[in-house]
Amino acid sequence: MYKLIISILFLIGMYFTATAQQYPSDVLPALTSWKLTLPVDANGKDNSHIKKLEDRLRKPMEIIGRDLIDYQYKPYFYAQNAEVYFRAHAAGVTTKNSKNPRSELRQLVGGGNNYWSVQDPQRMTVHLRVTHLPTYKQKVVISQIHGPVNEPLKVSYSPKYKGVVIEWNESHKDLAHPVPYQLGEHLIIDVKVNKGKITCTITNTDQDKTYSKTWRSEDSTGYFKVGCYTQANKYLSQYKKGFRDEPNDSYGEVAVSKIELETTYPPKN
């Protein structure tokens, strides 16, 4: 009888463990150091019923710092099986200066919307998987350094590029050295900044493939971003010749399991 009771209690414990609510902040405890941008507005609306590019909604919902503790917004931001899923669909709300939607974290440097110096040591290491691509324009940006003028770094995946590639200083793509990749495989992206230079190392742990590149940043300051910045939207034919509009529900998705962040940000006098 004693063994039977123990077995029942064990099964009950396993049940509640398996069914317990898991939030993104349980997987990524340092979310308080980030701001989340979602592809919907503060009322949960998107651009599904908007016909023209110039009429689209451009004020996405943002959740900042400690408000991300025990927070989720399915299907655009939630946790499952020790991963945090970021999804951005083609009909999503965009930021003011972009035509494409995102479900993405922005680093809060010094606790706010600040920039660190590329002359000081900065580092971000991210473990993630790309789990879904848009229907027609199959490209997602999964990690960035954003500067006040350019984008010193973008890490993107597209089958067209035959893998994961490094884009740097806004207009350069290292298409000669893609890291081979298939949807669902595990990536580690390690970014180091110091003395004006950026080194990005990408490893596909499932294929045991690694590539590293170093360059000088054209921006003097920046901050890190990570998540899913879908490079497609429902208005493509209105401003890009030869491109098809994405269906409203076409989406990109990235699952993040770990973020490590080291920042140098001297306090202002």
C-alpha atoms as a PDB file:
ATOM      1  CA  MET A   1       0.000   0.000   0.000  1.00  0.00           C
ATOM      2  CA  TYR A   2       2.848   2.399   0.897  1.00  0.00           C
ATOM      3  CA  LYS A   3       4.508   1.877  -2.499  1.00  0.00           C
ATOM      4  CA  LEU A   4       1.164   2.416  -4.250  1.00  0.00           C
ATOM      5  CA  ILE A   5       0.649   5.741  -2.466  1.00  0.00           C
ATOM      6  CA  ILE A   6       4.168   6.867  -3.354  1.00  0.00           C
ATOM      7  CA  SER A   7       3.583   5.938  -7.000  1.00  0.00           C
ATOM      8  CA  ILE A   8       0.319   7.880  -7.113  1.00  0.00           C
ATOM      9  CA  LEU A   9       1.913  10.949  -5.526  1.00  0.00           C
ATOM     10  CA  PHE A  10       4.779  10.746  -8.034  1.00  0.00           C
ATOM     11  CA  LEU A  11       2.356  10.607 -10.957  1.00  0.00           C
ATOM     12  CA  ILE A  12       0.368  13.526  -9.580  1.00  0.00           C
ATOM     13  CA  GLY A  13       3.572  15.535  -9.217  1.00  0.00           C
ATOM     14  CA  MET A  14       4.614  14.719 -12.777  1.00  0.00           C
ATOM     15  CA  TYR A  15       1.186  15.771 -14.035  1.00  0.00           C
ATOM     16  CA  PHE A  16       1.273  19.162 -12.383  1.00  0.00           C
ATOM     17  CA  THR A  17       4.874  19.717 -13.491  1.00  0.00           C
ATOM     18  CA  ALA A  18       3.971  18.929 -17.092  1.00  0.00           C
ATOM     19  CA  THR A  19       0.839  21.093 -17.070  1.00  0.00           C
ATOM     20  CA  ALA A  20       2.200  24.041 -15.065  1.00  0.00           C
ATOM     21  CA  GLN A  21       2.114  27.385 -16.821  1.00  0.00           C
ATOM     22  CA  GLN A  22       5.493  28.352 -18.263  1.00  0.00           C
ATOM     23  CA  TYR A  23       6.182  31.957 -19.186  1.00  0.00           C
ATOM     24  CA  PRO A  24       8.959  33.371 -21.345  1.00  0.00           C
ATOM     25  CA  SER A  25      10.539  34.917 -18.233  1.00  0.00           C
ATOM     26  CA  ASP A  26      10.904  31.387 -16.793  1.00  0.00           C
ATOM     27  CA  VAL A  27      13.057  30.445 -19.794  1.00  0.00           C
ATOM     28  CA  LEU A  28      14.854  33.773 -20.227  1.00  0.00           C
ATOM     29  CA  PRO A  29      15.203  35.224 -16.707  1.00  0.00           C
ATOM     30  CA  ALA A  30      17.045  38.348 -17.934  1.00  0.00           C
ATOM     31  CA  LEU A  31      14.047  39.641 -19.909  1.00  0.00           C
ATOM     32  CA  THR A  32      13.941  42.630 -17.560  1.00  0.00           C
ATOM     33  CA  SER A  33      16.952  43.935 -19.509  1.00  0.00           C
ATOM     34  CA  TRP A  34      14.911  44.102 -22.726  1.00  0.00           C
ATOM     35  CA  LYS A  35      11.931  45.760 -24.387  1.00  0.00           C
ATOM     36  CA  LEU A  36       9.573  43.611 -26.485  1.00  0.00           C
ATOM     37  CA  THR A  37       7.941  44.849 -29.690  1.00  0.00           C
ATOM     38  CA  LEU A  38       4.927  42.837 -30.903  1.00  0.00           C
ATOM     39  CA  PRO A  39       3.210  42.785 -34.337  1.00  0.00           C
ATOM     40  CA  VAL A  40      -0.089  44.114 -32.927  1.00  0.00           C
ATOM     41  CA  ASP A  41      -1.096  47.472 -31.482  1.00  0.00           C
ATOM     42  CA  ALA A  42      -2.116  48.221 -27.888  1.00  0.00           C
ATOM     43  CA  ASN A  43      -5.664  47.035 -28.691  1.00  0.00           C
ATOM     44  CA  GLY A  44      -4.503  43.765 -30.227  1.00  0.00           C
ATOM     45  CA  LYS A  45      -5.306  44.910 -33.784  1.00  0.00           C
ATOM     46  CA  ASP A  46      -3.139  44.316 -36.850  1.00  0.00           C
ATOM     47  CA  ASN A  47      -3.195  45.302 -40.528  1.00  0.00           C
ATOM     48  CA  SER A  48      -5.366  42.440 -41.777  1.00  0.00           C
ATOM     49  CA  HIS A  49      -8.088  44.800 -43.011  1.00  0.00           C
ATOM     50  CA  ILE A  50      -5.802  47.598 -44.210  1.00  0.00           C
ATOM     51  CA  LYS A  51      -5.458  47.712 -48.013  1.00  0.00           C
ATOM     52  CA  LYS A  52      -2.789  50.354 -48.658  1.00  0.00           C
ATOM     53  CA  LEU A  53       0.774  50.537 -47.392  1.00  0.00           C
ATOM     54  CA  GLU A  54       0.471  54.201 -46.403  1.00  0.00           C
ATOM     55  CA  ASP A  55      -2.593  53.454 -44.233  1.00  0.00           C
ATOM     56  CA  ARG A  56      -1.012  50.667 -42.191  1.00  0.00           C
ATOM     57  CA  LEU A  57      -0.833  50.718 -38.393  1.00  0.00           C
ATOM     58  CA  ARG A  58       2.652  51.764 -37.282  1.00  0.00           C
ATOM     59  CA  LYS A  59       2.462  51.904 -33.508  1.00  0.00           C
ATOM     60  CA  PRO A  60       3.137  48.374 -32.203  1.00  0.00           C
ATOM     61  CA  MET A  61       2.573  47.179 -28.671  1.00  0.00           C
ATOM     62  CA  GLU A  62       5.672  47.383 -26.462  1.00  0.00           C
ATOM     63  CA  ILE A  63       6.273  45.678 -23.122  1.00  0.00           C
ATOM     64  CA  ILE A  64       9.203  46.971 -21.129  1.00  0.00           C
ATOM     65  CA  GLY A  65      11.540  45.524 -18.517  1.00  0.00           C
ATOM     66  CA  ARG A  66       9.855  44.122 -15.421  1.00  0.00           C
ATOM     67  CA  ASP A  67       6.478  44.061 -17.170  1.00  0.00           C
ATOM     68  CA  LEU A  68       7.813  41.069 -19.111  1.00  0.00           C
ATOM     69  CA  ILE A  69       7.859  38.925 -15.959  1.00  0.00           C
ATOM     70  CA  ASP A  70       5.105  36.276 -16.271  1.00  0.00           C
ATOM     71  CA  TYR A  71       3.956  37.863 -19.539  1.00  0.00           C
ATOM     72  CA  GLN A  72       2.940  36.188 -22.788  1.00  0.00           C
ATOM     73  CA  TYR A  73       0.926  37.082 -25.884  1.00  0.00           C
ATOM     74  CA  LYS A  74       0.115  34.003 -27.948  1.00  0.00           C
ATOM     75  CA  PRO A  75       0.904  33.233 -30.697  1.00  0.00           C
ATOM     76  CA  TYR A  76       3.433  36.051 -31.014  1.00  0.00           C
ATOM     77  CA  PHE A  77       5.362  35.607 -27.743  1.00  0.00           C
ATOM     78  CA  TYR A  78       5.112  32.574 -25.496  1.00  0.00           C
ATOM     79  CA  ALA A  79       7.108  29.724 -23.936  1.00  0.00           C
ATOM     80  CA  GLN A  80       6.933  26.024 -24.715  1.00  0.00           C
ATOM     81  CA  ASN A  81       9.333  23.188 -23.921  1.00  0.00           C
ATOM     82  CA  ALA A  82      12.021  25.525 -22.540  1.00  0.00           C
ATOM     83  CA  GLU A  83      12.006  27.793 -25.612  1.00  0.00           C
ATOM     84  CA  VAL A  84      10.512  31.246 -26.164  1.00  0.00           C
ATOM     85  CA  TYR A  85       8.687  31.603 -29.470  1.00  0.00           C
ATOM     86  CA  PHE A  86       8.721  34.898 -31.370  1.00  0.00           C
ATOM     87  CA  ARG A  87       6.275  35.146 -34.282  1.00  0.00           C
ATOM     88  CA  ALA A  88       5.663  38.025 -36.714  1.00  0.00           C
ATOM     89  CA  HIS A  89       3.014  37.716 -39.430  1.00  0.00           C
ATOM     90  CA  ALA A  90       2.726  39.552 -42.741  1.00  0.00           C
ATOM     91  CA  ALA A  91      -0.301  41.569 -41.600  1.00  0.00           C
ATOM     92  CA  GLY A  92       1.434  42.647 -38.416  1.00  0.00           C
ATOM     93  CA  VAL A  93       1.719  46.205 -37.141  1.00  0.00           C
ATOM     94  CA  THR A  94       5.073  47.731 -38.073  1.00  0.00           C
ATOM     95  CA  THR A  95       7.339  50.211 -36.374  1.00  0.00           C
ATOM     96  CA  LYS A  96       7.380  53.772 -37.715  1.00  0.00           C
ATOM     97  CA  ASN A  97      10.427  53.368 -39.950  1.00  0.00           C
ATOM     98  CA  SER A  98       9.932  49.814 -41.212  1.00  0.00           C
ATOM     99  CA  LYS A  99       7.521  48.161 -43.615  1.00  0.00           C
ATOM    100  CA  ASN A 100       8.035  44.743 -42.023  1.00  0.00           C
ATOM    101  CA  PRO A 101       6.557  43.363 -38.778  1.00  0.00           C
ATOM    102  CA  ARG A 102       8.544  41.996 -35.878  1.00  0.00           C
ATOM    103  CA  SER A 103       8.293  40.142 -32.603  1.00  0.00           C
ATOM    104  CA  GLU A 104      11.635  41.197 -31.226  1.00  0.00           C
ATOM    105  CA  LEU A 105      13.571  42.169 -28.124  1.00  0.00           C
ATOM    106  CA  ARG A 106      15.454  45.460 -27.915  1.00  0.00           C
ATOM    107  CA  GLN A 107      18.226  45.730 -25.329  1.00  0.00           C
ATOM    108  CA  LEU A 108      17.607  48.310 -22.600  1.00  0.00           C
ATOM    109  CA  VAL A 109      21.093  49.765 -22.237  1.00  0.00           C
ATOM    110  CA  GLY A 110      21.549  51.188 -18.764  1.00  0.00           C
ATOM    111  CA  GLY A 111      17.866  50.432 -18.140  1.00  0.00           C
ATOM    112  CA  GLY A 112      16.561  52.582 -20.995  1.00  0.00           C
ATOM    113  CA  ASN A 113      16.552  53.324 -24.725  1.00  0.00           C
ATOM    114  CA  ASN A 114      20.257  54.122 -24.718  1.00  0.00           C
ATOM    115  CA  TYR A 115      23.271  53.117 -26.803  1.00  0.00           C
ATOM    116  CA  TRP A 116      26.568  51.620 -25.716  1.00  0.00           C
ATOM    117  CA  SER A 117      29.892  52.492 -27.323  1.00  0.00           C
ATOM    118  CA  VAL A 118      31.482  50.162 -29.873  1.00  0.00           C
ATOM    119  CA  GLN A 119      34.824  51.117 -28.293  1.00  0.00           C
ATOM    120  CA  ASP A 120      33.887  49.299 -25.059  1.00  0.00           C
ATOM    121  CA  PRO A 121      33.480  45.519 -24.572  1.00  0.00           C
ATOM    122  CA  GLN A 122      29.951  44.290 -25.366  1.00  0.00           C
ATOM    123  CA  ARG A 123      28.830  40.711 -25.902  1.00  0.00           C
ATOM    124  CA  MET A 124      25.669  38.755 -26.677  1.00  0.00           C
ATOM    125  CA  THR A 125      25.353  34.985 -27.073  1.00  0.00           C
ATOM    126  CA  VAL A 126      22.023  33.565 -28.258  1.00  0.00           C
ATOM    127  CA  HIS A 127      20.827  29.978 -28.660  1.00  0.00           C
ATOM    128  CA  LEU A 128      17.910  29.724 -31.083  1.00  0.00           C
ATOM    129  CA  ARG A 129      16.119  27.895 -33.891  1.00  0.00           C
ATOM    130  CA  VAL A 130      14.290  29.246 -36.931  1.00  0.00           C
ATOM    131  CA  THR A 131      11.016  27.310 -36.984  1.00  0.00           C
ATOM    132  CA  HIS A 132       8.945  28.915 -39.762  1.00  0.00           C
ATOM    133  CA  LEU A 133       9.364  31.180 -42.797  1.00  0.00           C
ATOM    134  CA  PRO A 134       6.939  33.442 -44.695  1.00  0.00           C
ATOM    135  CA  THR A 135       5.182  31.989 -47.729  1.00  0.00           C
ATOM    136  CA  TYR A 136       6.859  33.847 -50.604  1.00  0.00           C
ATOM    137  CA  LYS A 137       9.698  36.083 -49.407  1.00  0.00           C
ATOM    138  CA  GLN A 138      11.330  33.523 -47.160  1.00  0.00           C
ATOM    139  CA  LYS A 139      13.666  35.557 -45.011  1.00  0.00           C
ATOM    140  CA  VAL A 140      13.861  36.411 -41.298  1.00  0.00           C
ATOM    141  CA  VAL A 141      16.365  38.511 -39.346  1.00  0.00           C
ATOM    142  CA  ILE A 142      17.119  36.767 -36.063  1.00  0.00           C
ATOM    143  CA  SER A 143      19.762  38.936 -34.386  1.00  0.00           C
ATOM    144  CA  GLN A 144      20.967  42.520 -34.781  1.00  0.00           C
ATOM    145  CA  ILE A 145      23.078  45.380 -33.605  1.00  0.00           C
ATOM    146  CA  HIS A 146      21.137  48.554 -34.258  1.00  0.00           C
ATOM    147  CA  GLY A 147      22.906  51.899 -34.467  1.00  0.00           C
ATOM    148  CA  PRO A 148      21.654  55.482 -34.728  1.00  0.00           C
ATOM    149  CA  VAL A 149      22.566  55.668 -38.442  1.00  0.00           C
ATOM    150  CA  ASN A 150      23.085  52.156 -39.817  1.00  0.00           C
ATOM    151  CA  GLU A 151      22.657  48.558 -38.732  1.00  0.00           C
ATOM    152  CA  PRO A 152      26.210  47.413 -37.925  1.00  0.00           C
ATOM    153  CA  LEU A 153      24.995  43.784 -37.805  1.00  0.00           C
ATOM    154  CA  LYS A 154      22.082  41.696 -38.985  1.00  0.00           C
ATOM    155  CA  VAL A 155      22.066  37.895 -38.864  1.00  0.00           C
ATOM    156  CA  SER A 156      19.477  36.507 -41.260  1.00  0.00           C
ATOM    157  CA  TYR A 157      18.291  33.209 -42.647  1.00  0.00           C
ATOM    158  CA  SER A 158      16.906  32.582 -46.110  1.00  0.00           C
ATOM    159  CA  PRO A 159      16.952  29.401 -48.216  1.00  0.00           C
ATOM    160  CA  LYS A 160      17.810  31.735 -51.108  1.00  0.00           C
ATOM    161  CA  TYR A 161      21.128  32.426 -49.367  1.00  0.00           C
ATOM    162  CA  LYS A 162      21.633  28.674 -48.763  1.00  0.00           C
ATOM    163  CA  GLY A 163      21.926  29.268 -45.022  1.00  0.00           C
ATOM    164  CA  VAL A 164      22.442  31.830 -42.280  1.00  0.00           C
ATOM    165  CA  VAL A 165      24.387  34.906 -43.352  1.00  0.00           C
ATOM    166  CA  ILE A 166      25.994  37.953 -41.782  1.00  0.00           C
ATOM    167  CA  GLU A 167      24.929  41.380 -43.024  1.00  0.00           C
ATOM    168  CA  TRP A 168      27.009  44.330 -41.844  1.00  0.00           C
ATOM    169  CA  ASN A 169      27.062  48.122 -41.991  1.00  0.00           C
ATOM    170  CA  GLU A 170      23.630  48.300 -43.600  1.00  0.00           C
ATOM    171  CA  SER A 171      24.426  47.355 -47.189  1.00  0.00           C
ATOM    172  CA  HIS A 172      26.882  44.428 -47.120  1.00  0.00           C
ATOM    173  CA  LYS A 173      26.010  40.715 -47.162  1.00  0.00           C
ATOM    174  CA  ASP A 174      28.547  37.908 -46.770  1.00  0.00           C
ATOM    175  CA  LEU A 175      26.783  35.626 -49.242  1.00  0.00           C
ATOM    176  CA  ALA A 176      30.029  33.771 -49.964  1.00  0.00           C
ATOM    177  CA  HIS A 177      30.047  32.184 -46.487  1.00  0.00           C
ATOM    178  CA  PRO A 178      26.566  31.046 -45.457  1.00  0.00           C
ATOM    179  CA  VAL A 179      26.312  28.685 -42.500  1.00  0.00           C
ATOM    180  CA  PRO A 180      24.320  25.705 -43.852  1.00  0.00           C
ATOM    181  CA  TYR A 181      20.927  25.507 -42.191  1.00  0.00           C
ATOM    182  CA  GLN A 182      17.602  23.678 -42.275  1.00  0.00           C
ATOM    183  CA  LEU A 183      14.491  24.766 -40.406  1.00  0.00           C
ATOM    184  CA  GLY A 184      14.481  23.618 -36.791  1.00  0.00           C
ATOM    185  CA  GLU A 185      18.240  23.178 -36.419  1.00  0.00           C
ATOM    186  CA  HIS A 186      20.010  24.715 -33.429  1.00  0.00           C
ATOM    187  CA  LEU A 187      22.144  27.847 -33.810  1.00  0.00           C
ATOM    188  CA  ILE A 188      24.492  29.648 -31.457  1.00  0.00           C
ATOM    189  CA  ILE A 189      25.142  33.271 -32.404  1.00  0.00           C
ATOM    190  CA  ASP A 190      27.999  34.906 -30.504  1.00  0.00           C
ATOM    191  CA  VAL A 191      28.599  38.630 -31.034  1.00  0.00           C
ATOM    192  CA  LYS A 192      31.562  40.497 -29.545  1.00  0.00           C
ATOM    193  CA  VAL A 193      32.144  44.243 -29.778  1.00  0.00           C
ATOM    194  CA  ASN A 194      35.293  46.102 -28.741  1.00  0.00           C
ATOM    195  CA  LYS A 195      37.634  48.871 -29.943  1.00  0.00           C
ATOM    196  CA  GLY A 196      35.318  49.754 -32.813  1.00  0.00           C
ATOM    197  CA  LYS A 197      35.193  46.229 -34.235  1.00  0.00           C
ATOM    198  CA  ILE A 198      32.472  43.579 -34.298  1.00  0.00           C
ATOM    199  CA  THR A 199      33.067  39.832 -34.414  1.00  0.00           C
ATOM    200  CA  CYS A 200      30.107  37.565 -35.152  1.00  0.00           C
ATOM    201  CA  THR A 201      30.455  33.784 -34.873  1.00  0.00           C
ATOM    202  CA  ILE A 202      27.599  31.549 -36.028  1.00  0.00           C
ATOM    203  CA  THR A 203      27.532  27.833 -35.204  1.00  0.00           C
ATOM    204  CA  ASN A 204      25.018  25.276 -36.442  1.00  0.00           C
ATOM    205  CA  THR A 205      25.402  22.673 -33.688  1.00  0.00           C
ATOM    206  CA  ASP A 206      23.345  20.060 -35.548  1.00  0.00           C
ATOM    207  CA  GLN A 207      25.644  20.155 -38.589  1.00  0.00           C
ATOM    208  CA  ASP A 208      28.817  21.115 -36.677  1.00  0.00           C
ATOM    209  CA  LYS A 209      29.392  24.082 -39.007  1.00  0.00           C
ATOM    210  CA  THR A 210      30.872  27.410 -37.847  1.00  0.00           C
ATOM    211  CA  TYR A 211      31.734  30.699 -39.496  1.00  0.00           C
ATOM    212  CA  SER A 212      33.219  33.836 -37.947  1.00  0.00           C
ATOM    213  CA  LYS A 213      33.682  37.326 -39.378  1.00  0.00           C
ATOM    214  CA  THR A 214      35.216  40.535 -37.993  1.00  0.00           C
ATOM    215  CA  TRP A 215      34.732  44.071 -39.341  1.00  0.00           C
ATOM    216  CA  ARG A 216      34.878  47.693 -38.255  1.00  0.00           C
ATOM    217  CA  SER A 217      31.545  49.259 -37.347  1.00  0.00           C
ATOM    218  CA  GLU A 218      30.529  52.389 -39.232  1.00  0.00           C
ATOM    219  CA  ASP A 219      28.378  53.382 -36.254  1.00  0.00           C
ATOM    220  CA  SER A 220      30.071  54.490 -33.052  1.00  0.00           C
ATOM    221  CA  THR A 221      27.236  53.278 -30.810  1.00  0.00           C
ATOM    222  CA  GLY A 222      24.596  50.529 -30.808  1.00  0.00           C
ATOM    223  CA  TYR A 223      22.399  48.079 -28.932  1.00  0.00           C
ATOM    224  CA  PHE A 224      21.504  44.396 -29.368  1.00  0.00           C
ATOM    225  CA  LYS A 225      18.257  42.953 -30.725  1.00  0.00           C
ATOM    226  CA  VAL A 226      17.057  39.359 -30.963  1.00  0.00           C
ATOM    227  CA  GLY A 227      13.845  37.620 -32.040  1.00  0.00           C
ATOM    228  CA  CYS A 228      11.940  37.408 -35.316  1.00  0.00           C
ATOM    229  CA  TYR A 229      12.034  40.368 -37.711  1.00  0.00           C
ATOM    230  CA  THR A 230      10.081  39.027 -40.673  1.00  0.00           C
ATOM    231  CA  GLN A 231      11.360  40.431 -43.981  1.00  0.00           C
ATOM    232  CA  ALA A 232       8.007  40.125 -45.733  1.00  0.00           C
ATOM    233  CA  ASN A 233       4.605  41.781 -45.553  1.00  0.00           C
ATOM    234  CA  LYS A 234       1.213  41.978 -47.240  1.00  0.00           C
ATOM    235  CA  TYR A 235       2.125  45.130 -49.216  1.00  0.00           C
ATOM    236  CA  LEU A 236       5.221  43.973 -51.105  1.00  0.00           C
ATOM    237  CA  SER A 237       3.765  44.506 -54.582  1.00  0.00           C
ATOM    238  CA  GLN A 238       2.993  48.143 -53.722  1.00  0.00           C
ATOM    239  CA  TYR A 239       6.655  49.127 -53.422  1.00  0.00           C
ATOM    240  CA  LYS A 240       8.799  46.269 -54.806  1.00  0.00           C
ATOM    241  CA  LYS A 241       8.450  45.408 -58.454  1.00  0.00           C
ATOM    242  CA  GLY A 242       8.091  41.699 -59.131  1.00  0.00           C
ATOM    243  CA  PHE A 243       7.240  40.714 -55.547  1.00  0.00           C
ATOM    244  CA  ARG A 244       4.009  39.047 -54.471  1.00  0.00           C
ATOM    245  CA  ASP A 245       1.939  40.198 -51.509  1.00  0.00           C
ATOM    246  CA  GLU A 246       2.163  37.806 -48.583  1.00  0.00           C
ATOM    247  CA  PRO A 247      -1.093  36.316 -47.231  1.00  0.00           C
ATOM    248  CA  ASN A 248      -2.220  37.980 -44.004  1.00  0.00           C
ATOM    249  CA  ASP A 249      -1.364  34.892 -41.971  1.00  0.00           C
ATOM    250  CA  SER A 250       2.036  34.234 -43.583  1.00  0.00           C
ATOM    251  CA  TYR A 251       4.642  34.432 -40.826  1.00  0.00           C
ATOM    252  CA  GLY A 252       8.176  33.954 -39.630  1.00  0.00           C
ATOM    253  CA  GLU A 253       8.963  32.323 -36.295  1.00  0.00           C
ATOM    254  CA  VAL A 254      12.052  31.912 -34.127  1.00  0.00           C
ATOM    255  CA  ALA A 255      12.445  29.895 -30.916  1.00  0.00           C
ATOM    256  CA  VAL A 256      15.028  31.205 -28.417  1.00  0.00           C
ATOM    257  CA  SER A 257      16.291  29.021 -25.575  1.00  0.00           C
ATOM    258  CA  LYS A 258      19.088  31.139 -24.090  1.00  0.00           C
ATOM    259  CA  ILE A 259      20.421  34.711 -24.104  1.00  0.00           C
ATOM    260  CA  GLU A 260      23.650  35.744 -22.396  1.00  0.00           C
ATOM    261  CA  LEU A 261      24.430  39.455 -22.258  1.00  0.00           C
ATOM    262  CA  GLU A 262      27.502  41.410 -21.163  1.00  0.00           C
ATOM    263  CA  THR A 263      27.357  45.183 -21.451  1.00  0.00           C
ATOM    264  CA  THR A 264      29.730  48.040 -20.691  1.00  0.00           C
ATOM    265  CA  TYR A 265      27.807  51.251 -20.164  1.00  0.00           C
ATOM    266  CA  PRO A 266      29.582  53.932 -18.130  1.00  0.00           C
ATOM    267  CA  PRO A 267      27.055  56.033 -16.195  1.00  0.00           C
ATOM    268  CA  LYS A 268      26.730  59.643 -17.294  1.00  0.00           C
ATOM    269  CA  ASN A 269      28.229  62.294 -15.012  1.00  0.00           C
END
